[in-house]
Amino acid sequence: MNKLIVVLCLLSSSVVTSKDQLETIDILSYRIDLEVWEEHDTIQVYELITAKLLQKADSFYLDLHSLNEGKGMTVERLFIRVPIERETPVTFTHVDDKLWISSISIPENLEFKIELSFSGVPETGLIIGKNKFDKRTFFGDNWPNRAHHWFACIDHPSDKAKVSFLVTHPKKYDVVATGRLMNQGYTHDKNTVVYRSEIDLPTKVMVVGIAEFDTELIFHDNSGLFPMTAWVYEDDRENGFKDMAVAADVVNFFVKSIGAYPFEKLDHVQSTTQFGGMENAGNIFYDENAVTGEETMEALIAHEVAHQWFGNSASESDWHHLWLSEGFATYFTDLYWQDKYGTEAMNERLINERIRVIKFSKQYDHPIVDTSYQSLMQLLNPNSYQKGAWFLHMLRNEVGDVTFWSGIKRYYETYKYGNATTSDFQSIMESESGNDLNLFFNQWLREALHPILLINNDRKCGKEYLEIQQEQKGELFEFNLEVKIIYEDGTSELKVFPVSKKKEKFKLTSKKKVSGFKYDPNVKLLFEMVEH
């Protein structure tokens, strides 16, 4: 959610991303002073970055969007302070969205500060425009790695840091931002607000929102520990406050189910950005059109609130582990639905999610843990969301409710405020369950597609048989298929058939005559039925 020098040859080593800096530099904190204007879209930024080199290097780079057809940032001033009190001009080069900085004089593992000023018109990342009421707004919109379009950073989820924003803006606006509100100041024509978070965050969820807002507190069971506020456009205040009130139920469920809320506050913000919802840490941005006054935001709010634990606090270590964020948020919305509306209501959601996964698989036959994506935006797909949710649902049925929840809580406690991989989650669940889950994780997460089943029943010599054939291309799956067998006398029974081969025939033991079958009646398996 990017100027040297002595090693210009590095600039020619193409297709590098901020990930390649993770072993060189660690950003500890950002201070971002942002000034915006009513009359134009140019922003002015002063930035103070605290960092340390993890290994001796002649240079490193920060991600910062360079000029391109009138959009992008121009660096006006850059200094390094080593030690902190001494300000030293350095050589830098800003090209191809990378701000290369000479670090010859910087010792390894010593904290130093990078001080820079720049200005320009953001191409994206900070969306400047008008809302549906034709009023000017400014909203951070960083996912996946677009933060560098408006501030210099290591734009990768593994490089977490603290952040503070000092925002100077025309008086008519209000400002919401990451962290706790620390201070407000006034001049004759401008206001200044300061927000600060002492919690390490990925850049994808560090944002500001500037608009003409009205606010209202939302009271919940833990209001004494952290405040929750609705921020809505002045012209939409009644609808917004009504729609966002349900956030109290959502937050109460997740605190009870997972653990303490991880951030200083939780703001629900009507916004003008490109996503329906964006889970920015402590201040969630919802698309302005989601606010209708018809109380239809509940699932959206649940999804984005779940991200505060999974994605923002316990974050994926790299992009191809995105399901640890989106799959979790999708399934925890399902779990919230089950808690509030019952299992049948959750099952309806799961069936719809299964339909989306099956439909998507016809056009994109990649696994959930996808290392061959062409663009980061391509990862925003039903594999990361709905299939990731289905994996968690099947895992819950595989290990049982008690083990599932204890594993989830242990995973979160282990990786909160840090980063995790799919293998990290697998290790936790294996340890918690005492089972080898390698086959389970591999076939559902690391292999493409899902079981496609051709099922026939047959009667021979007075005996009933059920024949199950796997029709999908590639690997065979191992799974249990629940089948409700319905008899002509009106009774029924539930049978579980363990499937592991291409084609298997199961003998039905009852002497009653069968009138029909219902496959997966309790909605436990991600699969597709076909007919010849």
Protein backbone atom coordinates (compact mmCIF):
# COMPACT_ATOMS: atom_id res chain seq x y z
CA MET A 1 0.00 0.00 0.00
CA ASN A 2 10.03 5.71 -4.22
CA LYS A 3 19.24 9.33 -5.37
CA LEU A 4 23.10 7.96 -5.53
CA ILE A 5 25.25 7.67 -6.87
CA VAL A 6 28.11 5.53 -6.22
CA VAL A 7 26.13 2.49 -7.15
CA LEU A 8 24.06 3.68 -10.06
CA CYS A 9 24.64 0.26 -11.54
CA LEU A 10 22.09 -1.00 -9.05
CA LEU A 11 19.46 1.07 -10.79
CA SER A 12 19.84 -1.00 -13.90
CA SER A 13 19.13 -4.25 -12.10
CA SER A 14 15.50 -4.25 -13.12
CA VAL A 15 12.33 -5.42 -11.48
CA VAL A 16 13.29 -4.85 -7.89
CA THR A 17 10.62 -4.12 -5.32
CA SER A 18 10.77 -2.85 -1.79
CA LYS A 19 10.95 -6.47 -0.59
CA ASP A 20 14.61 -6.56 -1.60
CA GLN A 21 15.35 -3.84 0.98
CA LEU A 22 14.01 -5.82 3.94
CA GLU A 23 17.41 -7.33 4.71
CA THR A 24 19.17 -3.98 4.31
CA ILE A 25 17.11 -1.42 6.20
CA ASP A 26 14.48 -1.44 8.93
CA ILE A 27 12.16 1.54 9.24
CA LEU A 28 11.29 2.18 12.89
CA SER A 29 8.99 5.19 12.56
CA TYR A 30 7.57 7.75 10.16
CA ARG A 31 6.66 11.32 10.93
CA ILE A 32 4.66 12.69 8.00
CA ASP A 33 3.81 16.39 7.88
CA LEU A 34 1.25 16.87 5.11
CA GLU A 35 -0.19 20.15 3.84
CA VAL A 36 -3.11 20.31 1.42
CA TRP A 37 -4.89 23.18 -0.33
CA GLU A 38 -8.38 23.96 -1.52
CA GLU A 39 -7.23 25.53 -4.79
CA HIS A 40 -5.01 22.79 -6.26
CA ASP A 41 -4.00 19.13 -5.89
CA THR A 42 -0.30 19.68 -5.11
CA ILE A 43 0.69 18.41 -1.68
CA GLN A 44 3.69 19.51 0.39
CA VAL A 45 5.31 16.89 2.61
CA TYR A 46 8.01 17.08 5.23
CA GLU A 47 9.04 13.64 6.45
CA LEU A 48 11.24 12.45 9.29
CA ILE A 49 12.04 8.74 9.16
CA THR A 50 13.84 6.82 11.91
CA ALA A 51 15.66 3.75 10.63
CA LYS A 52 18.63 1.46 11.06
CA LEU A 53 20.76 -0.52 8.63
CA LEU A 54 20.57 -4.26 9.21
CA GLN A 55 23.82 -4.75 7.35
CA LYS A 56 26.54 -2.46 6.08
CA ALA A 57 25.57 -1.05 2.68
CA ASP A 58 26.82 1.68 0.35
CA SER A 59 23.22 2.66 -0.41
CA PHE A 60 19.60 1.83 0.15
CA TYR A 61 16.38 3.09 -1.33
CA LEU A 62 12.95 4.20 -0.21
CA ASP A 63 9.85 3.84 -2.34
CA LEU A 64 8.64 7.26 -3.54
CA HIS A 65 6.75 7.90 -6.76
CA SER A 66 8.88 9.90 -9.17
CA LEU A 67 7.59 12.41 -11.70
CA ASN A 68 5.64 10.95 -14.61
CA GLU A 69 3.56 13.10 -16.95
CA GLY A 70 2.93 15.75 -14.33
CA LYS A 71 2.13 13.38 -11.45
CA GLY A 72 4.56 12.30 -8.77
CA MET A 73 6.91 13.85 -6.23
CA THR A 74 9.93 16.15 -6.53
CA VAL A 75 12.42 15.89 -3.66
CA GLU A 76 13.58 19.34 -2.61
CA ARG A 77 15.77 18.55 0.40
CA LEU A 78 17.25 15.45 2.02
CA PHE A 79 19.50 15.07 5.07
CA ILE A 80 20.75 12.19 7.18
CA ARG A 81 21.32 12.57 10.92
CA VAL A 82 23.99 10.20 12.32
CA PRO A 83 24.17 10.46 15.27
CA ILE A 84 20.74 11.99 15.71
CA GLU A 85 22.04 15.46 16.55
CA ARG A 86 24.26 15.88 13.50
CA GLU A 87 22.62 16.82 10.19
CA THR A 88 24.55 15.67 7.10
CA PRO A 89 23.57 16.32 3.47
CA VAL A 90 23.81 13.14 1.41
CA THR A 91 23.86 12.22 -2.23
CA PHE A 92 20.59 10.87 -3.52
CA THR A 93 18.98 9.93 -6.83
CA HIS A 94 15.24 9.72 -7.45
CA VAL A 95 14.32 7.64 -10.47
CA ASP A 96 11.84 4.89 -11.37
CA ASP A 97 9.92 5.35 -8.09
CA LYS A 98 13.05 4.68 -6.01
CA LEU A 99 14.80 7.23 -3.85
CA TRP A 100 18.36 5.91 -3.69
CA ILE A 101 20.32 7.30 -0.73
CA SER A 102 24.04 7.00 -0.05
CA SER A 103 24.69 5.20 3.24
CA ILE A 104 28.48 4.84 3.13
CA SER A 105 28.88 6.80 6.37
CA ILE A 106 26.07 5.07 8.29
CA PRO A 107 27.13 2.34 10.75
CA GLU A 108 25.27 -0.95 10.95
CA ASN A 109 22.52 -1.29 13.62
CA LEU A 110 22.72 2.36 14.68
CA GLU A 111 19.51 4.37 14.62
CA PHE A 112 19.61 7.31 12.24
CA LYS A 113 17.12 9.75 10.82
CA ILE A 114 16.26 10.64 7.24
CA GLU A 115 14.82 14.12 6.86
CA LEU A 116 13.33 15.09 3.53
CA SER A 117 10.91 17.50 1.92
CA PHE A 118 9.07 16.99 -1.34
CA SER A 119 5.98 18.13 -3.20
CA GLY A 120 3.84 17.13 -6.14
CA VAL A 121 0.48 15.81 -7.27
CA PRO A 122 -0.22 12.20 -6.21
CA GLU A 123 -1.12 9.91 -9.09
CA THR A 124 -2.87 7.60 -6.63
CA GLY A 125 -2.45 6.55 -3.00
CA LEU A 126 -3.83 9.86 -1.75
CA ILE A 127 -7.09 10.29 -3.64
CA ILE A 128 -7.98 13.97 -4.13
CA GLY A 129 -11.36 14.72 -5.65
CA LYS A 130 -15.00 15.33 -4.85
CA ASN A 131 -17.53 13.22 -3.02
CA LYS A 132 -21.08 12.48 -4.12
CA PHE A 133 -22.18 15.81 -2.66
CA ASP A 134 -19.69 17.64 -4.91
CA LYS A 135 -17.47 18.54 -1.97
CA ARG A 136 -13.69 18.25 -2.02
CA THR A 137 -12.07 15.35 -0.14
CA PHE A 138 -8.62 13.81 0.44
CA PHE A 139 -8.32 10.13 1.37
CA GLY A 140 -5.35 7.81 1.79
CA ASP A 141 -5.89 4.68 -0.30
CA ASN A 142 -2.66 2.71 0.07
CA TRP A 143 -3.44 -0.94 -0.67
CA PRO A 144 -1.47 -2.81 -1.80
CA ASN A 145 1.72 -0.74 -2.23
CA ARG A 146 0.49 2.73 -3.16
CA ALA A 147 1.53 4.56 0.01
CA HIS A 148 4.72 5.61 -1.77
CA HIS A 149 2.67 7.80 -4.08
CA TRP A 150 2.37 10.32 -1.26
CA PHE A 151 5.06 9.53 1.31
CA ALA A 152 8.50 7.94 1.21
CA CYS A 153 8.55 4.48 2.77
CA ILE A 154 9.39 0.81 2.47
CA ASP A 155 6.09 -0.09 0.85
CA HIS A 156 5.87 -3.75 1.88
CA PRO A 157 3.75 -5.42 4.59
CA SER A 158 6.76 -6.94 6.36
CA ASP A 159 8.36 -3.59 7.20
CA LYS A 160 6.20 -2.38 10.05
CA ALA A 161 6.77 0.94 11.78
CA LYS A 162 5.20 3.52 14.05
CA VAL A 163 3.63 6.55 12.39
CA SER A 164 2.50 10.08 13.18
CA PHE A 165 0.69 12.52 10.92
CA LEU A 166 0.72 16.30 11.21
CA VAL A 167 -1.88 17.58 8.76
CA THR A 168 -2.25 21.24 7.83
CA HIS A 169 -5.48 21.98 5.98
CA PRO A 170 -8.06 24.68 5.20
CA LYS A 171 -10.28 25.39 8.20
CA LYS A 172 -13.51 23.98 6.82
CA TYR A 173 -12.17 20.41 6.83
CA ASP A 174 -11.98 17.78 9.56
CA VAL A 175 -9.19 15.20 9.71
CA VAL A 176 -9.18 11.56 10.76
CA ALA A 177 -5.93 9.59 10.69
CA THR A 178 -4.08 6.56 11.98
CA GLY A 179 -3.42 6.67 15.71
CA ARG A 180 -4.65 8.78 18.60
CA LEU A 181 -5.49 12.48 18.23
CA MET A 182 -2.65 14.27 20.05
CA ASN A 183 -3.05 17.96 19.30
CA GLN A 184 -4.90 20.60 17.30
CA GLY A 185 -3.74 24.09 16.34
CA TYR A 186 -5.20 27.06 14.50
CA THR A 187 -3.99 30.00 12.41
CA HIS A 188 -6.02 32.67 10.66
CA ASP A 189 -6.73 30.48 7.61
CA LYS A 190 -5.50 26.94 8.41
CA ASN A 191 -5.87 24.24 11.04
CA THR A 192 -3.28 21.67 12.05
CA VAL A 193 -3.98 18.31 13.67
CA VAL A 194 -1.58 15.67 14.97
CA TYR A 195 -2.29 11.95 15.17
CA ARG A 196 0.21 9.41 16.47
CA SER A 197 0.33 5.61 16.68
CA GLU A 198 2.94 3.89 18.84
CA ILE A 199 2.02 0.55 17.31
CA ASP A 200 4.06 -0.96 14.48
CA LEU A 201 1.97 -1.05 11.30
CA PRO A 202 2.40 -1.91 7.62
CA THR A 203 2.27 1.10 5.30
CA LYS A 204 -0.82 -0.29 3.55
CA VAL A 205 -2.98 0.78 6.54
CA MET A 206 -1.37 4.15 7.45
CA VAL A 207 -3.75 6.85 6.18
CA VAL A 208 -5.39 10.22 6.58
CA GLY A 209 -8.90 11.30 5.63
CA ILE A 210 -9.74 14.98 5.08
CA ALA A 211 -13.33 16.08 4.43
CA GLU A 212 -16.28 17.91 5.96
CA PHE A 213 -17.39 15.35 8.55
CA ASP A 214 -19.87 15.00 11.36
CA THR A 215 -19.01 12.53 14.12
CA GLU A 216 -20.86 10.44 16.66
CA LEU A 217 -19.58 8.07 19.33
CA ILE A 218 -20.63 4.42 19.03
CA PHE A 219 -20.85 2.85 22.50
CA HIS A 220 -19.86 -0.80 22.94
CA ASP A 221 -18.90 -3.22 25.70
CA ASN A 222 -15.27 -2.03 25.76
CA SER A 223 -15.83 1.71 25.35
CA GLY A 224 -13.75 2.29 28.47
CA LEU A 225 -10.73 0.73 26.75
CA PHE A 226 -10.97 2.29 23.30
CA PRO A 227 -13.37 4.78 21.71
CA MET A 228 -15.32 4.01 18.53
CA THR A 229 -16.64 6.82 16.35
CA ALA A 230 -18.66 7.19 13.16
CA TRP A 231 -17.28 9.82 10.74
CA VAL A 232 -19.78 10.64 8.00
CA TYR A 233 -20.23 13.44 5.48
CA GLU A 234 -22.20 16.34 6.88
CA ASP A 235 -24.80 15.83 4.15
CA ASP A 236 -25.21 12.14 5.07
CA ARG A 237 -25.08 12.30 8.86
CA GLU A 238 -28.43 10.69 9.65
CA ASN A 239 -27.95 7.78 7.23
CA GLY A 240 -24.35 7.23 8.24
CA PHE A 241 -24.93 7.21 11.97
CA LYS A 242 -27.82 4.78 11.52
CA ASP A 243 -25.86 2.40 9.28
CA MET A 244 -22.70 2.36 11.41
CA ALA A 245 -24.39 1.78 14.78
CA VAL A 246 -24.23 -2.00 14.23
CA ALA A 247 -20.44 -1.79 14.61
CA ALA A 248 -21.02 -2.16 18.36
CA ASP A 249 -22.34 -5.72 17.89
CA VAL A 250 -19.46 -6.53 15.55
CA VAL A 251 -16.72 -5.31 17.87
CA ASN A 252 -18.28 -7.01 20.88
CA PHE A 253 -18.20 -10.36 19.07
CA PHE A 254 -14.61 -10.12 17.90
CA VAL A 255 -13.23 -8.98 21.25
CA LYS A 256 -15.06 -11.85 22.94
CA SER A 257 -13.96 -14.41 20.32
CA ILE A 258 -10.37 -13.41 19.51
CA GLY A 259 -9.01 -11.11 22.21
CA ALA A 260 -8.41 -7.49 23.09
CA TYR A 261 -8.81 -4.92 20.35
CA PRO A 262 -5.26 -4.13 19.10
CA PHE A 263 -5.31 -0.36 18.37
CA GLU A 264 -5.84 2.98 20.09
CA LYS A 265 -9.30 3.68 18.68
CA LEU A 266 -11.68 2.53 15.97
CA ASP A 267 -13.19 5.04 13.56
CA HIS A 268 -15.72 4.12 10.86
CA VAL A 269 -15.29 6.62 8.04
CA GLN A 270 -17.40 7.39 4.99
CA SER A 271 -14.91 8.00 2.19
CA THR A 272 -14.29 8.50 -1.51
CA THR A 273 -11.74 5.86 -2.57
CA GLN A 274 -11.61 2.92 -4.94
CA PHE A 275 -12.55 0.08 -2.56
CA GLY A 276 -15.90 -0.81 -1.05
CA GLY A 277 -14.11 -0.93 2.28
CA MET A 278 -10.49 -0.57 3.38
CA GLU A 279 -9.40 -1.80 6.78
CA ASN A 280 -6.93 0.99 7.64
CA ALA A 281 -5.65 0.45 11.18
CA GLY A 282 -8.03 2.05 13.64
CA ASN A 283 -9.89 4.05 10.99
CA ILE A 284 -11.78 1.98 8.44
CA PHE A 285 -12.74 3.71 5.18
CA TYR A 286 -16.06 2.68 3.59
CA ASP A 287 -17.17 3.67 0.10
CA GLU A 288 -19.49 6.65 0.31
CA ASN A 289 -22.27 4.79 -1.52
CA ALA A 290 -22.33 2.02 1.08
CA VAL A 291 -24.07 4.55 3.33
CA THR A 292 -27.79 4.40 2.53
CA GLY A 293 -29.62 4.57 5.84
CA GLU A 294 -31.07 1.12 5.11
CA GLU A 295 -28.76 -0.68 7.56
CA THR A 296 -27.12 -2.83 4.88
CA MET A 297 -23.49 -2.30 5.97
CA GLU A 298 -23.32 -5.02 8.62
CA ALA A 299 -21.36 -7.65 6.65
CA LEU A 300 -19.02 -5.00 5.23
CA ILE A 301 -18.37 -3.60 8.70
CA ALA A 302 -17.76 -7.10 10.10
CA HIS A 303 -15.25 -7.90 7.35
CA GLU A 304 -13.25 -4.70 7.86
CA VAL A 305 -13.34 -4.91 11.65
CA ALA A 306 -12.03 -8.52 11.52
CA HIS A 307 -9.04 -7.14 9.62
CA GLN A 308 -7.99 -5.14 12.67
CA TRP A 309 -6.86 -8.44 14.17
CA PHE A 310 -6.03 -10.33 10.96
CA GLY A 311 -4.18 -8.24 8.39
CA ASN A 312 -3.44 -5.13 10.41
CA SER A 313 -2.10 -6.60 13.66
CA ALA A 314 -1.16 -10.14 12.59
CA SER A 315 -0.13 -9.33 9.02
CA GLU A 316 0.88 -11.49 6.08
CA SER A 317 4.66 -11.51 5.57
CA ASP A 318 4.36 -11.21 1.80
CA TRP A 319 1.66 -10.62 -0.76
CA HIS A 320 1.07 -14.24 -1.77
CA HIS A 321 -0.01 -15.00 1.81
CA LEU A 322 -2.87 -12.51 1.43
CA TRP A 323 -5.45 -15.13 2.39
CA LEU A 324 -4.19 -14.79 5.99
CA SER A 325 -5.78 -11.36 5.82
CA GLU A 326 -8.71 -11.62 3.38
CA GLY A 327 -9.67 -15.25 3.94
CA PHE A 328 -9.67 -14.67 7.69
CA ALA A 329 -11.76 -11.50 7.41
CA THR A 330 -14.26 -13.30 5.15
CA TYR A 331 -14.63 -16.32 7.42
CA PHE A 332 -14.79 -14.29 10.60
CA THR A 333 -17.67 -12.40 9.03
CA ASP A 334 -19.32 -15.79 8.55
CA LEU A 335 -18.63 -16.67 12.19
CA TYR A 336 -20.12 -13.37 13.32
CA TRP A 337 -23.17 -14.16 11.19
CA GLN A 338 -23.48 -17.58 12.80
CA ASP A 339 -23.25 -16.08 16.28
CA LYS A 340 -25.89 -13.44 15.60
CA TYR A 341 -28.27 -15.09 13.13
CA GLY A 342 -27.66 -18.84 13.50
CA THR A 343 -25.96 -21.66 11.61
CA GLU A 344 -28.45 -21.75 8.74
CA ALA A 345 -27.77 -18.07 8.02
CA MET A 346 -24.03 -18.73 8.02
CA ASN A 347 -24.50 -21.73 5.73
CA GLU A 348 -26.32 -19.54 3.22
CA ARG A 349 -23.26 -17.30 3.13
CA LEU A 350 -20.94 -20.29 2.75
CA ILE A 351 -22.99 -21.71 -0.13
CA ASN A 352 -22.81 -18.38 -1.95
CA GLU A 353 -19.08 -18.22 -1.29
CA ARG A 354 -18.67 -21.74 -2.68
CA ILE A 355 -20.51 -20.72 -5.85
CA ARG A 356 -18.12 -17.79 -6.30
CA VAL A 357 -15.07 -20.02 -5.85
CA ILE A 358 -16.33 -22.55 -8.39
CA LYS A 359 -17.17 -19.87 -10.94
CA PHE A 360 -13.79 -18.17 -10.50
CA SER A 361 -11.88 -21.44 -10.88
CA LYS A 362 -13.07 -21.70 -14.48
CA GLN A 363 -11.07 -18.61 -15.43
CA TYR A 364 -8.14 -18.67 -12.98
CA ASP A 365 -6.89 -22.09 -11.91
CA HIS A 366 -4.29 -20.95 -9.37
CA PRO A 367 -3.90 -22.00 -5.72
CA ILE A 368 -4.77 -19.75 -2.79
CA VAL A 369 -1.06 -19.31 -2.00
CA ASP A 370 -0.35 -17.87 -5.43
CA THR A 371 3.25 -17.03 -6.33
CA SER A 372 2.62 -16.62 -10.07
CA TYR A 373 0.30 -13.59 -10.01
CA GLN A 374 0.97 -10.90 -12.61
CA SER A 375 -0.03 -7.92 -10.46
CA LEU A 376 -0.83 -7.40 -6.80
CA MET A 377 -4.35 -6.28 -7.65
CA GLN A 378 -4.84 -9.70 -9.30
CA LEU A 379 -4.69 -11.22 -5.81
CA LEU A 380 -7.94 -9.51 -4.85
CA ASN A 381 -9.96 -12.48 -6.02
CA PRO A 382 -12.27 -15.22 -4.67
CA ASN A 383 -9.26 -17.45 -3.93
CA SER A 384 -7.91 -15.00 -1.36
CA TYR A 385 -11.36 -14.20 0.04
CA GLN A 386 -14.00 -16.92 -0.35
CA LYS A 387 -11.74 -19.94 -0.87
CA GLY A 388 -9.56 -18.78 2.02
CA ALA A 389 -12.71 -18.61 4.14
CA TRP A 390 -13.73 -22.08 3.01
CA PHE A 391 -10.31 -23.43 3.96
CA LEU A 392 -10.78 -22.13 7.50
CA HIS A 393 -14.29 -23.59 7.62
CA MET A 394 -13.01 -27.02 6.56
CA LEU A 395 -10.10 -26.74 9.00
CA ARG A 396 -12.58 -26.04 11.78
CA ASN A 397 -14.46 -29.23 10.88
CA GLU A 398 -11.18 -31.15 10.53
CA VAL A 399 -9.80 -30.34 14.00
CA GLY A 400 -13.00 -29.55 15.90
CA ASP A 401 -14.38 -26.33 17.36
CA VAL A 402 -12.34 -26.31 20.59
CA THR A 403 -9.02 -26.90 18.83
CA PHE A 404 -9.87 -24.49 16.03
CA TRP A 405 -10.57 -21.61 18.40
CA SER A 406 -7.59 -22.33 20.64
CA GLY A 407 -5.38 -22.47 17.54
CA ILE A 408 -6.78 -19.21 16.20
CA LYS A 409 -6.19 -17.44 19.50
CA ARG A 410 -2.66 -18.85 19.78
CA TYR A 411 -1.86 -17.84 16.20
CA TYR A 412 -3.07 -14.31 16.86
CA GLU A 413 -1.22 -13.97 20.16
CA THR A 414 1.98 -15.30 18.57
CA TYR A 415 1.92 -12.95 15.57
CA LYS A 416 0.03 -9.87 16.75
CA TYR A 417 1.89 -6.71 15.71
CA GLY A 418 4.11 -8.95 13.59
CA ASN A 419 4.08 -10.94 10.35
CA ALA A 420 3.26 -14.53 9.51
CA THR A 421 3.35 -16.97 6.62
CA THR A 422 0.99 -19.79 5.75
CA SER A 423 3.54 -22.24 7.17
CA ASP A 424 3.54 -20.33 10.46
CA PHE A 425 -0.22 -20.75 10.73
CA GLN A 426 0.07 -24.43 9.79
CA SER A 427 2.66 -25.02 12.53
CA ILE A 428 0.40 -23.46 15.14
CA MET A 429 -2.61 -25.55 14.10
CA GLU A 430 -0.55 -28.76 13.95
CA SER A 431 0.83 -28.12 17.42
CA GLU A 432 -2.59 -27.28 18.80
CA SER A 433 -4.33 -30.29 17.24
CA GLY A 434 -1.50 -32.80 17.58
CA ASN A 435 -2.12 -33.79 13.93
CA ASP A 436 0.01 -33.73 10.81
CA LEU A 437 -1.94 -31.29 8.64
CA ASN A 438 0.51 -31.12 5.75
CA LEU A 439 -1.72 -32.95 3.27
CA PHE A 440 -4.71 -30.87 4.33
CA PHE A 441 -2.87 -27.55 3.91
CA ASN A 442 -1.20 -28.59 0.67
CA GLN A 443 -4.28 -29.81 -1.17
CA TRP A 444 -6.52 -26.90 -0.19
CA LEU A 445 -4.06 -24.00 -0.13
CA ARG A 446 -1.06 -24.86 -2.29
CA GLU A 447 -2.81 -26.80 -5.05
CA ALA A 448 -5.23 -25.27 -7.51
CA LEU A 449 -8.91 -26.12 -7.97
CA HIS A 450 -11.17 -28.25 -5.76
CA PRO A 451 -12.89 -31.65 -5.93
CA ILE A 452 -15.25 -31.97 -8.88
CA LEU A 453 -17.47 -34.97 -8.21
CA LEU A 454 -19.58 -37.21 -10.41
CA ILE A 455 -21.85 -39.20 -8.07
CA ASN A 456 -24.11 -42.04 -9.10
CA ASN A 457 -26.12 -44.52 -7.12
CA ASP A 458 -26.58 -48.05 -8.34
CA ARG A 459 -28.67 -51.04 -7.27
CA LYS A 460 -27.38 -54.55 -7.92
CA CYS A 461 -28.68 -57.81 -6.55
CA GLY A 462 -30.86 -55.95 -4.10
CA LYS A 463 -27.94 -53.91 -2.77
CA GLU A 464 -27.58 -50.10 -2.98
CA TYR A 465 -24.21 -48.57 -3.89
CA LEU A 466 -22.93 -45.04 -4.10
CA GLU A 467 -20.20 -44.41 -6.67
CA ILE A 468 -18.06 -41.28 -6.27
CA GLN A 469 -15.65 -40.23 -9.02
CA GLN A 470 -13.23 -37.26 -8.92
CA GLU A 471 -13.37 -35.44 -12.25
CA GLN A 472 -11.01 -32.47 -11.66
CA LYS A 473 -7.76 -32.17 -13.58
CA GLY A 474 -4.53 -32.58 -11.67
CA GLU A 475 -4.17 -33.85 -8.12
CA LEU A 476 -6.68 -36.07 -6.37
CA PHE A 477 -8.12 -34.80 -3.10
CA GLU A 478 -8.61 -36.67 0.17
CA PHE A 479 -11.72 -35.67 2.08
CA ASN A 480 -14.83 -36.86 3.87
CA LEU A 481 -18.16 -36.39 2.10
CA GLU A 482 -21.25 -36.28 4.25
CA VAL A 483 -24.35 -37.72 2.59
CA LYS A 484 -27.88 -37.66 3.94
CA ILE A 485 -29.61 -40.82 2.75
CA ILE A 486 -33.38 -40.42 2.50
CA TYR A 487 -35.53 -43.57 2.63
CA GLU A 488 -38.94 -44.24 1.16
CA ASP A 489 -40.45 -44.63 4.63
CA GLY A 490 -39.65 -40.97 5.36
CA THR A 491 -36.66 -41.63 7.59
CA SER A 492 -33.08 -40.60 6.86
CA GLU A 493 -29.57 -41.12 8.14
CA LEU A 494 -26.27 -39.28 7.80
CA LYS A 495 -23.28 -41.20 6.46
CA VAL A 496 -19.68 -40.07 6.04
CA PHE A 497 -17.75 -41.47 3.07
CA PRO A 498 -13.93 -41.12 3.09
CA VAL A 499 -12.83 -40.32 -0.47
CA SER A 500 -9.21 -40.58 -1.61
CA LYS A 501 -9.21 -42.32 -5.00
CA LYS A 502 -10.17 -41.41 -8.52
CA LYS A 503 -13.22 -43.66 -8.39
CA GLU A 504 -14.72 -45.42 -5.38
CA LYS A 505 -17.87 -47.45 -4.75
CA PHE A 506 -19.46 -47.55 -1.30
CA LYS A 507 -22.02 -50.17 -0.25
CA LEU A 508 -25.04 -48.88 1.66
CA THR A 509 -25.82 -51.19 4.56
CA SER A 510 -29.45 -50.33 5.28
CA LYS A 511 -32.11 -52.69 3.99
CA LYS A 512 -34.53 -49.82 3.50
CA LYS A 513 -35.30 -48.57 0.03
CA VAL A 514 -33.58 -45.32 -0.86
CA SER A 515 -35.63 -42.48 -2.29
CA GLY A 516 -32.85 -39.88 -2.58
CA PHE A 517 -29.63 -38.35 -1.40
CA LYS A 518 -28.56 -34.94 -0.13
CA TYR A 519 -24.85 -34.33 -0.51
CA ASP A 520 -23.01 -32.24 2.07
CA PRO A 521 -26.23 -31.33 3.92
CA ASN A 522 -24.37 -29.51 6.71
CA VAL A 523 -22.25 -27.44 4.30
CA LYS A 524 -18.78 -28.70 5.30
CA LEU A 525 -16.99 -29.32 2.00
CA LEU A 526 -15.77 -27.14 -0.85
CA PHE A 527 -16.67 -29.20 -3.91
CA GLU A 528 -18.50 -29.10 -7.23
CA MET A 529 -21.05 -31.56 -8.59
CA VAL A 530 -21.18 -32.48 -12.27
CA GLU A 531 -23.29 -34.77 -14.40
CA HIS A 532 -22.44 -36.80 -17.49
